[in-house]
Structure formats: C-alpha cells, structure tokens
N, C-alpha and C. Protein backbone atom coordinates (compact mmCIF):
# COMPACT_ATOMS: atom_id res chain seq x y z
N MET A 1 0.85 -1.19 0.00
CA MET A 1 0.00 0.00 0.00
C MET A 1 0.88 1.23 0.00
N PRO A 2 0.59 2.23 -0.86
CA PRO A 2 1.41 3.42 -0.90
C PRO A 2 1.31 4.21 0.40
N ALA A 3 2.34 4.97 0.65
CA ALA A 3 2.36 5.78 1.87
C ALA A 3 1.33 6.89 1.78
N ILE A 4 0.92 7.40 2.94
CA ILE A 4 -0.07 8.49 2.99
C ILE A 4 0.50 9.74 2.30
N ASP A 5 1.83 9.92 2.36
CA ASP A 5 2.45 11.10 1.74
C ASP A 5 2.24 11.10 0.23
N ASP A 6 1.86 9.95 -0.31
CA ASP A 6 1.71 9.80 -1.75
C ASP A 6 0.39 10.39 -2.24
N ALA A 7 -0.25 11.24 -1.43
CA ALA A 7 -1.53 11.84 -1.82
C ALA A 7 -1.33 12.96 -2.82
N ALA A 8 -0.11 13.26 -3.18
CA ALA A 8 0.18 14.27 -4.20
C ALA A 8 1.10 13.62 -5.23
N GLY A 9 1.16 14.19 -6.41
CA GLY A 9 2.03 13.66 -7.45
C GLY A 9 1.24 12.92 -8.50
N ASP A 10 1.98 12.30 -9.43
CA ASP A 10 1.37 11.58 -10.52
C ASP A 10 0.61 10.36 -10.00
N LEU A 11 -0.44 9.97 -10.73
CA LEU A 11 -1.28 8.85 -10.31
C LEU A 11 -1.10 7.70 -11.30
N PRO A 12 -0.40 6.61 -10.89
CA PRO A 12 -0.27 5.46 -11.78
C PRO A 12 -1.59 4.70 -11.86
N VAL A 13 -2.05 4.43 -13.08
CA VAL A 13 -3.31 3.70 -13.27
C VAL A 13 -3.02 2.30 -13.77
N THR A 14 -2.31 2.22 -14.89
CA THR A 14 -1.88 0.92 -15.42
C THR A 14 -0.38 1.04 -15.70
N GLY A 15 0.19 -0.03 -16.21
CA GLY A 15 1.62 0.01 -16.53
C GLY A 15 1.95 1.05 -17.57
N SER A 16 1.01 1.35 -18.46
CA SER A 16 1.28 2.29 -19.55
C SER A 16 0.64 3.65 -19.34
N LEU A 17 -0.25 3.79 -18.36
CA LEU A 17 -0.96 5.06 -18.17
C LEU A 17 -0.68 5.61 -16.78
N VAL A 18 -0.17 6.83 -16.76
CA VAL A 18 0.06 7.56 -15.52
C VAL A 18 -0.60 8.92 -15.69
N VAL A 19 -1.52 9.24 -14.77
CA VAL A 19 -2.20 10.54 -14.84
C VAL A 19 -1.27 11.57 -14.21
N PRO A 20 -0.86 12.59 -14.95
CA PRO A 20 0.03 13.60 -14.38
C PRO A 20 -0.68 14.40 -13.28
N ALA A 21 0.10 14.84 -12.31
CA ALA A 21 -0.46 15.60 -11.19
C ALA A 21 -1.15 16.88 -11.67
N THR A 22 -0.69 17.43 -12.79
CA THR A 22 -1.29 18.67 -13.29
C THR A 22 -2.70 18.44 -13.83
N ALA A 23 -3.05 17.18 -14.16
CA ALA A 23 -4.39 16.88 -14.69
C ALA A 23 -5.40 16.63 -13.58
N LEU A 24 -4.91 16.47 -12.33
CA LEU A 24 -5.80 16.20 -11.21
C LEU A 24 -6.24 17.51 -10.57
N HIS A 25 -7.52 17.62 -10.30
CA HIS A 25 -8.07 18.82 -9.67
C HIS A 25 -8.72 18.42 -8.35
N TRP A 26 -8.25 19.02 -7.26
CA TRP A 26 -8.72 18.70 -5.91
C TRP A 26 -9.72 19.74 -5.44
N ARG A 27 -10.71 19.29 -4.65
CA ARG A 27 -11.63 20.20 -3.99
C ARG A 27 -11.90 19.64 -2.60
N PHE A 28 -11.93 20.50 -1.61
CA PHE A 28 -12.11 20.06 -0.24
C PHE A 28 -13.33 20.74 0.36
N SER A 29 -14.05 20.01 1.19
CA SER A 29 -15.22 20.57 1.86
C SER A 29 -15.41 19.86 3.18
N ARG A 30 -16.37 20.32 3.94
CA ARG A 30 -16.63 19.72 5.24
C ARG A 30 -17.36 18.39 5.04
N SER A 31 -16.94 17.44 5.81
CA SER A 31 -17.50 16.11 5.72
C SER A 31 -18.68 15.97 6.67
N SER A 32 -19.65 15.13 6.29
CA SER A 32 -20.76 14.86 7.19
C SER A 32 -20.39 13.69 8.09
N GLY A 33 -21.22 13.44 9.07
CA GLY A 33 -21.01 12.28 9.92
C GLY A 33 -20.21 12.60 11.16
N PRO A 34 -19.79 11.55 11.89
CA PRO A 34 -19.11 11.75 13.17
C PRO A 34 -17.73 12.35 12.99
N GLY A 35 -17.25 12.98 14.00
CA GLY A 35 -15.92 13.58 13.93
C GLY A 35 -15.65 14.49 15.10
N GLY A 36 -16.60 14.61 15.98
CA GLY A 36 -16.37 15.43 17.18
C GLY A 36 -16.32 16.91 16.85
N GLN A 37 -15.50 17.62 17.60
CA GLN A 37 -15.43 19.07 17.46
C GLN A 37 -14.87 19.50 16.10
N GLY A 38 -14.02 18.67 15.52
CA GLY A 38 -13.36 19.06 14.28
C GLY A 38 -14.23 18.94 13.05
N VAL A 39 -15.40 18.25 13.16
CA VAL A 39 -16.18 17.99 11.96
C VAL A 39 -16.71 19.27 11.32
N ASN A 40 -16.96 20.30 12.12
CA ASN A 40 -17.51 21.54 11.57
C ASN A 40 -16.44 22.53 11.11
N THR A 41 -15.19 22.23 11.38
CA THR A 41 -14.14 23.18 11.03
C THR A 41 -13.16 22.64 10.01
N ALA A 42 -12.96 21.33 9.97
CA ALA A 42 -11.94 20.75 9.09
C ALA A 42 -12.55 20.38 7.74
N ASP A 43 -11.88 20.74 6.67
CA ASP A 43 -12.31 20.37 5.33
C ASP A 43 -11.73 19.00 4.99
N SER A 44 -12.34 17.95 5.53
CA SER A 44 -11.76 16.62 5.36
C SER A 44 -12.35 15.86 4.17
N ARG A 45 -13.49 16.27 3.65
CA ARG A 45 -14.06 15.61 2.47
C ARG A 45 -13.27 16.03 1.24
N VAL A 46 -12.99 15.06 0.37
CA VAL A 46 -12.14 15.30 -0.79
C VAL A 46 -12.89 14.93 -2.06
N GLU A 47 -12.82 15.79 -3.06
CA GLU A 47 -13.31 15.47 -4.40
C GLU A 47 -12.13 15.59 -5.36
N LEU A 48 -11.91 14.54 -6.11
CA LEU A 48 -10.81 14.50 -7.08
C LEU A 48 -11.41 14.40 -8.47
N SER A 49 -11.05 15.34 -9.34
CA SER A 49 -11.60 15.38 -10.69
C SER A 49 -10.50 15.30 -11.73
N VAL A 50 -10.87 14.73 -12.87
CA VAL A 50 -9.94 14.63 -14.00
C VAL A 50 -10.78 14.59 -15.28
N VAL A 51 -10.20 15.08 -16.36
CA VAL A 51 -10.84 15.00 -17.67
C VAL A 51 -10.20 13.80 -18.37
N PRO A 52 -10.85 12.62 -18.30
CA PRO A 52 -10.18 11.39 -18.76
C PRO A 52 -9.92 11.35 -20.26
N LEU A 53 -10.75 12.00 -21.05
CA LEU A 53 -10.57 11.92 -22.50
C LEU A 53 -9.42 12.77 -22.99
N GLU A 54 -8.88 13.64 -22.14
CA GLU A 54 -7.76 14.49 -22.53
C GLU A 54 -6.45 14.05 -21.90
N LEU A 55 -6.42 12.86 -21.31
CA LEU A 55 -5.19 12.37 -20.69
C LEU A 55 -4.14 12.06 -21.75
N PRO A 56 -2.90 12.44 -21.49
CA PRO A 56 -1.83 12.13 -22.46
C PRO A 56 -1.49 10.65 -22.42
N GLY A 57 -1.10 10.13 -23.56
CA GLY A 57 -0.64 8.74 -23.64
C GLY A 57 -1.75 7.73 -23.88
N LEU A 58 -2.95 8.19 -24.22
CA LEU A 58 -4.04 7.25 -24.50
C LEU A 58 -4.13 7.00 -26.00
N ALA A 59 -4.34 5.75 -26.36
CA ALA A 59 -4.58 5.40 -27.76
C ALA A 59 -6.04 5.75 -28.09
N ASP A 60 -6.33 5.86 -29.37
CA ASP A 60 -7.70 6.21 -29.79
C ASP A 60 -8.71 5.16 -29.30
N ALA A 61 -8.32 3.88 -29.35
CA ALA A 61 -9.22 2.82 -28.89
C ALA A 61 -9.49 2.97 -27.39
N GLN A 62 -8.45 3.32 -26.63
CA GLN A 62 -8.64 3.51 -25.18
C GLN A 62 -9.53 4.72 -24.92
N ARG A 63 -9.33 5.77 -25.67
CA ARG A 63 -10.15 6.98 -25.51
C ARG A 63 -11.63 6.66 -25.78
N GLN A 64 -11.87 5.88 -26.82
CA GLN A 64 -13.25 5.50 -27.17
C GLN A 64 -13.85 4.61 -26.08
N ARG A 65 -13.05 3.68 -25.57
CA ARG A 65 -13.53 2.79 -24.51
C ARG A 65 -13.88 3.59 -23.25
N LEU A 66 -13.03 4.58 -22.92
CA LEU A 66 -13.32 5.44 -21.77
C LEU A 66 -14.62 6.21 -21.98
N ALA A 67 -14.80 6.75 -23.19
CA ALA A 67 -16.01 7.53 -23.47
C ALA A 67 -17.26 6.66 -23.35
N GLU A 68 -17.19 5.40 -23.82
CA GLU A 68 -18.34 4.51 -23.75
C GLU A 68 -18.65 4.10 -22.31
N ARG A 69 -17.62 3.68 -21.59
CA ARG A 69 -17.85 3.11 -20.26
C ARG A 69 -18.06 4.16 -19.18
N LEU A 70 -17.50 5.34 -19.36
CA LEU A 70 -17.66 6.38 -18.34
C LEU A 70 -18.70 7.43 -18.73
N GLY A 71 -19.37 7.22 -19.85
CA GLY A 71 -20.31 8.22 -20.36
C GLY A 71 -21.32 8.68 -19.32
N GLY A 72 -21.86 7.77 -18.54
CA GLY A 72 -22.86 8.12 -17.54
C GLY A 72 -22.29 8.84 -16.33
N ARG A 73 -20.99 8.71 -16.11
CA ARG A 73 -20.36 9.33 -14.94
C ARG A 73 -19.73 10.67 -15.24
N LEU A 74 -19.57 10.98 -16.53
CA LEU A 74 -18.93 12.22 -16.90
C LEU A 74 -19.93 13.38 -16.88
N VAL A 75 -19.53 14.47 -16.27
CA VAL A 75 -20.33 15.69 -16.27
C VAL A 75 -19.49 16.74 -16.98
N ASP A 76 -19.93 17.16 -18.15
CA ASP A 76 -19.17 18.09 -19.00
C ASP A 76 -17.77 17.57 -19.27
N GLY A 77 -17.65 16.24 -19.43
CA GLY A 77 -16.36 15.63 -19.74
C GLY A 77 -15.46 15.42 -18.54
N VAL A 78 -15.94 15.70 -17.33
CA VAL A 78 -15.12 15.60 -16.13
C VAL A 78 -15.60 14.43 -15.28
N LEU A 79 -14.66 13.59 -14.86
CA LEU A 79 -14.94 12.48 -13.96
C LEU A 79 -14.55 12.90 -12.55
N THR A 80 -15.46 12.75 -11.59
CA THR A 80 -15.20 13.16 -10.21
C THR A 80 -15.46 12.00 -9.27
N VAL A 81 -14.53 11.77 -8.34
CA VAL A 81 -14.74 10.80 -7.26
C VAL A 81 -14.61 11.54 -5.94
N ALA A 82 -15.36 11.10 -4.95
CA ALA A 82 -15.33 11.75 -3.64
C ALA A 82 -14.95 10.72 -2.59
N ALA A 83 -14.33 11.21 -1.52
CA ALA A 83 -13.97 10.35 -0.39
C ALA A 83 -14.18 11.14 0.89
N SER A 84 -14.94 10.56 1.81
CA SER A 84 -15.15 11.23 3.09
C SER A 84 -15.25 10.22 4.22
N GLU A 85 -14.75 9.00 4.00
CA GLU A 85 -14.90 7.98 5.02
C GLU A 85 -13.92 8.11 6.18
N HIS A 86 -12.84 8.85 5.98
CA HIS A 86 -11.84 9.03 7.04
C HIS A 86 -11.98 10.41 7.68
N ARG A 87 -11.45 10.55 8.87
CA ARG A 87 -11.53 11.84 9.55
C ARG A 87 -10.41 12.77 9.12
N GLN A 88 -9.30 12.20 8.60
CA GLN A 88 -8.19 13.04 8.17
C GLN A 88 -8.26 13.29 6.67
N GLN A 89 -7.96 14.50 6.29
CA GLN A 89 -7.99 14.86 4.87
C GLN A 89 -6.96 14.06 4.08
N LEU A 90 -5.80 13.83 4.65
CA LEU A 90 -4.76 13.09 3.93
C LEU A 90 -5.21 11.68 3.58
N ARG A 91 -5.87 11.02 4.52
CA ARG A 91 -6.34 9.66 4.24
C ARG A 91 -7.46 9.68 3.20
N ASN A 92 -8.32 10.70 3.24
CA ASN A 92 -9.36 10.83 2.22
C ASN A 92 -8.75 11.12 0.86
N ARG A 93 -7.66 11.89 0.84
CA ARG A 93 -6.97 12.15 -0.44
C ARG A 93 -6.45 10.86 -1.04
N GLN A 94 -5.85 10.02 -0.20
CA GLN A 94 -5.32 8.75 -0.68
C GLN A 94 -6.46 7.84 -1.15
N ALA A 95 -7.56 7.82 -0.41
CA ALA A 95 -8.71 7.00 -0.80
C ALA A 95 -9.28 7.47 -2.14
N ALA A 96 -9.35 8.78 -2.35
CA ALA A 96 -9.86 9.32 -3.61
C ALA A 96 -8.94 8.95 -4.77
N ARG A 97 -7.62 9.01 -4.54
CA ARG A 97 -6.66 8.63 -5.58
C ARG A 97 -6.84 7.15 -5.96
N GLU A 98 -6.96 6.30 -4.95
CA GLU A 98 -7.12 4.87 -5.22
C GLU A 98 -8.43 4.60 -5.96
N ARG A 99 -9.50 5.29 -5.55
CA ARG A 99 -10.80 5.10 -6.18
C ARG A 99 -10.77 5.56 -7.63
N LEU A 100 -10.14 6.70 -7.89
CA LEU A 100 -10.05 7.20 -9.27
C LEU A 100 -9.25 6.24 -10.13
N ALA A 101 -8.13 5.75 -9.62
CA ALA A 101 -7.32 4.80 -10.37
C ALA A 101 -8.11 3.53 -10.67
N ALA A 102 -8.90 3.06 -9.69
CA ALA A 102 -9.69 1.84 -9.90
C ALA A 102 -10.77 2.05 -10.96
N VAL A 103 -11.41 3.22 -10.96
CA VAL A 103 -12.45 3.51 -11.95
C VAL A 103 -11.83 3.57 -13.34
N LEU A 104 -10.70 4.25 -13.47
CA LEU A 104 -10.05 4.35 -14.78
C LEU A 104 -9.54 2.98 -15.24
N ARG A 105 -8.99 2.20 -14.32
CA ARG A 105 -8.48 0.87 -14.65
C ARG A 105 -9.62 -0.02 -15.16
N ALA A 106 -10.76 0.04 -14.48
CA ALA A 106 -11.91 -0.79 -14.90
C ALA A 106 -12.44 -0.33 -16.26
N ALA A 107 -12.45 0.97 -16.50
CA ALA A 107 -12.96 1.48 -17.77
C ALA A 107 -12.01 1.16 -18.93
N LEU A 108 -10.72 1.06 -18.64
CA LEU A 108 -9.74 0.79 -19.69
C LEU A 108 -9.56 -0.70 -19.96
N ALA A 109 -10.08 -1.55 -19.09
CA ALA A 109 -9.88 -3.00 -19.24
C ALA A 109 -10.47 -3.46 -20.57
N PRO A 110 -9.78 -4.35 -21.25
CA PRO A 110 -10.31 -4.84 -22.52
C PRO A 110 -11.59 -5.62 -22.30
N PRO A 111 -12.45 -5.66 -23.29
CA PRO A 111 -13.71 -6.40 -23.10
C PRO A 111 -13.43 -7.88 -22.90
N PRO A 112 -14.30 -8.57 -22.15
CA PRO A 112 -14.06 -10.01 -21.93
C PRO A 112 -14.23 -10.78 -23.22
N ALA A 113 -13.64 -11.95 -23.26
CA ALA A 113 -13.74 -12.80 -24.45
C ALA A 113 -15.20 -13.17 -24.69
N GLN A 114 -15.57 -13.28 -25.96
CA GLN A 114 -16.94 -13.62 -26.32
C GLN A 114 -17.26 -15.03 -25.85
N ARG A 115 -18.42 -15.21 -25.24
CA ARG A 115 -18.82 -16.52 -24.76
C ARG A 115 -19.20 -17.42 -25.93
N ARG A 116 -18.66 -18.62 -25.91
CA ARG A 116 -19.00 -19.58 -26.95
C ARG A 116 -20.16 -20.43 -26.46
N ARG A 117 -21.21 -20.50 -27.26
CA ARG A 117 -22.38 -21.29 -26.88
C ARG A 117 -22.04 -22.76 -26.93
N THR A 118 -22.49 -23.49 -25.92
CA THR A 118 -22.27 -24.94 -25.88
C THR A 118 -23.61 -25.63 -25.71
N ARG A 119 -23.61 -26.90 -26.00
CA ARG A 119 -24.83 -27.69 -25.83
C ARG A 119 -24.59 -28.68 -24.71
N PRO A 120 -25.68 -29.04 -23.99
CA PRO A 120 -25.51 -30.05 -22.94
C PRO A 120 -25.13 -31.40 -23.56
N THR A 121 -24.32 -32.14 -22.84
CA THR A 121 -23.91 -33.45 -23.36
C THR A 121 -25.08 -34.42 -23.29
N ARG A 122 -24.99 -35.49 -24.05
CA ARG A 122 -26.06 -36.48 -24.04
C ARG A 122 -26.19 -37.09 -22.65
N GLY A 123 -25.06 -37.35 -22.01
CA GLY A 123 -25.10 -37.93 -20.66
C GLY A 123 -25.80 -37.02 -19.66
N SER A 124 -25.52 -35.71 -19.72
CA SER A 124 -26.16 -34.81 -18.76
C SER A 124 -27.66 -34.70 -19.04
N GLN A 125 -28.04 -34.75 -20.30
CA GLN A 125 -29.48 -34.72 -20.63
C GLN A 125 -30.18 -35.98 -20.10
N GLU A 126 -29.54 -37.14 -20.30
CA GLU A 126 -30.13 -38.39 -19.83
C GLU A 126 -30.22 -38.41 -18.30
N ARG A 127 -29.18 -37.91 -17.60
CA ARG A 127 -29.22 -37.86 -16.14
C ARG A 127 -30.34 -36.95 -15.66
N ARG A 128 -30.55 -35.84 -16.34
CA ARG A 128 -31.61 -34.90 -15.97
C ARG A 128 -32.99 -35.57 -16.13
N ILE A 129 -33.20 -36.23 -17.25
CA ILE A 129 -34.48 -36.89 -17.49
C ILE A 129 -34.69 -38.02 -16.48
N GLN A 130 -33.64 -38.77 -16.19
CA GLN A 130 -33.73 -39.88 -15.22
C GLN A 130 -34.10 -39.34 -13.83
N ALA A 131 -33.50 -38.22 -13.43
CA ALA A 131 -33.81 -37.62 -12.13
C ALA A 131 -35.26 -37.14 -12.09
N LYS A 132 -35.75 -36.60 -13.18
CA LYS A 132 -37.14 -36.15 -13.24
C LYS A 132 -38.09 -37.34 -13.13
N LYS A 133 -37.75 -38.44 -13.78
CA LYS A 133 -38.60 -39.64 -13.71
C LYS A 133 -38.61 -40.21 -12.30
N GLN A 134 -37.45 -40.24 -11.65
CA GLN A 134 -37.39 -40.74 -10.27
C GLN A 134 -38.23 -39.87 -9.35
N ARG A 135 -38.16 -38.57 -9.52
CA ARG A 135 -38.93 -37.65 -8.69
C ARG A 135 -40.43 -37.87 -8.92
N GLY A 136 -40.82 -38.08 -10.18
CA GLY A 136 -42.22 -38.36 -10.49
C GLY A 136 -42.70 -39.66 -9.86
N GLU A 137 -41.85 -40.70 -9.90
CA GLU A 137 -42.20 -41.98 -9.29
C GLU A 137 -42.39 -41.83 -7.78
N LEU A 138 -41.50 -41.06 -7.14
CA LEU A 138 -41.61 -40.84 -5.70
C LEU A 138 -42.93 -40.15 -5.36
N LYS A 139 -43.31 -39.17 -6.15
CA LYS A 139 -44.56 -38.46 -5.90
C LYS A 139 -45.76 -39.37 -6.17
N LYS A 140 -45.63 -40.24 -7.18
CA LYS A 140 -46.71 -41.15 -7.50
C LYS A 140 -46.95 -42.13 -6.35
N GLN A 141 -45.87 -42.56 -5.68
CA GLN A 141 -45.98 -43.49 -4.54
C GLN A 141 -46.66 -42.82 -3.35
N ARG A 142 -46.56 -41.52 -3.24
CA ARG A 142 -47.14 -40.82 -2.10
C ARG A 142 -48.66 -40.67 -2.24
N ARG A 143 -49.18 -40.78 -3.43
CA ARG A 143 -50.61 -40.55 -3.65
C ARG A 143 -51.42 -41.63 -2.95
N SER A 144 -52.59 -41.25 -2.47
CA SER A 144 -53.48 -42.24 -1.85
C SER A 144 -54.60 -42.55 -2.84
N TRP A 145 -54.89 -43.84 -2.99
CA TRP A 145 -55.90 -44.27 -3.96
C TRP A 145 -57.11 -44.79 -3.19
N ASP A 146 -57.89 -43.89 -2.60
CA ASP A 146 -59.07 -44.30 -1.82
C ASP A 146 -60.21 -44.72 -2.69
C-alpha cells in the first residue's frame, strides 16, 4: 500500500498510463457524519476530478472505450470521485486517488472474451431426465388411492 504522503504527485493507473499531477483537480469541503469538534471546522471531504478523454498517452481505442464506459459518470467531460470515510484529509486524499485509479483501470480494461455457446452433453441430458422420472415416481408413490 502506498504511503499516505503519496496523496500528491502523478497517479499510476496501469503500466502504460500515468495521470500527471497537473491533470488532477482537488476540492475540499466539510464532511458529514461523526468527527467530534473538528467535523464543523476541518475540510476533510475530498473530491478529485480529472478529464479522462484528454489524458496524455491514450490510444484512440482507449479513448473511445473510456467515453463509452464512463459516459454516464462524466459531467461536461469531467470524472469526479469523492472520499469522506476518514476523519483526516490526507487519508481521504489517498482513498480518492485509489478510487479514481480503480475507476479508470476498470474502464480501460479490454472487453471479456466472447462466450462460446455450448450444448448439454447427451449424458447430462439423460441424467436430468432420469432424475425427473425418479422424482415423479416418488410423488406417484405418495398418492393415496381411496
């Protein structure tokens, strides 16, 4: 796990993609929830924003994949993640960085291999029919013939 001090600087996403620190935009606000006296004074909630389609080092296919998969999350082309689960701003900054990297990593992942349709084997079909017949026989034995 990266150190807490790593809440600033470039953000590694994949082996080939690193989001430069200049592309990251931070916003801080007061967090809701427990926190004692400091909750009303400390800006511990963190919002981290980036314009993913303008990141350097992306191939056209990756850019298109990002646009398709993140389309619903983008507001005016900007992707924003928030973190407020910790009481310290530094830990929320690290959580926001990790969350942003995970979202970008998932959006950049290649599509899964196409599923090949298969047919049930003859043996599995026969076992299924045999089990159904046994179940029917059991129910037939339970009937009362008054």
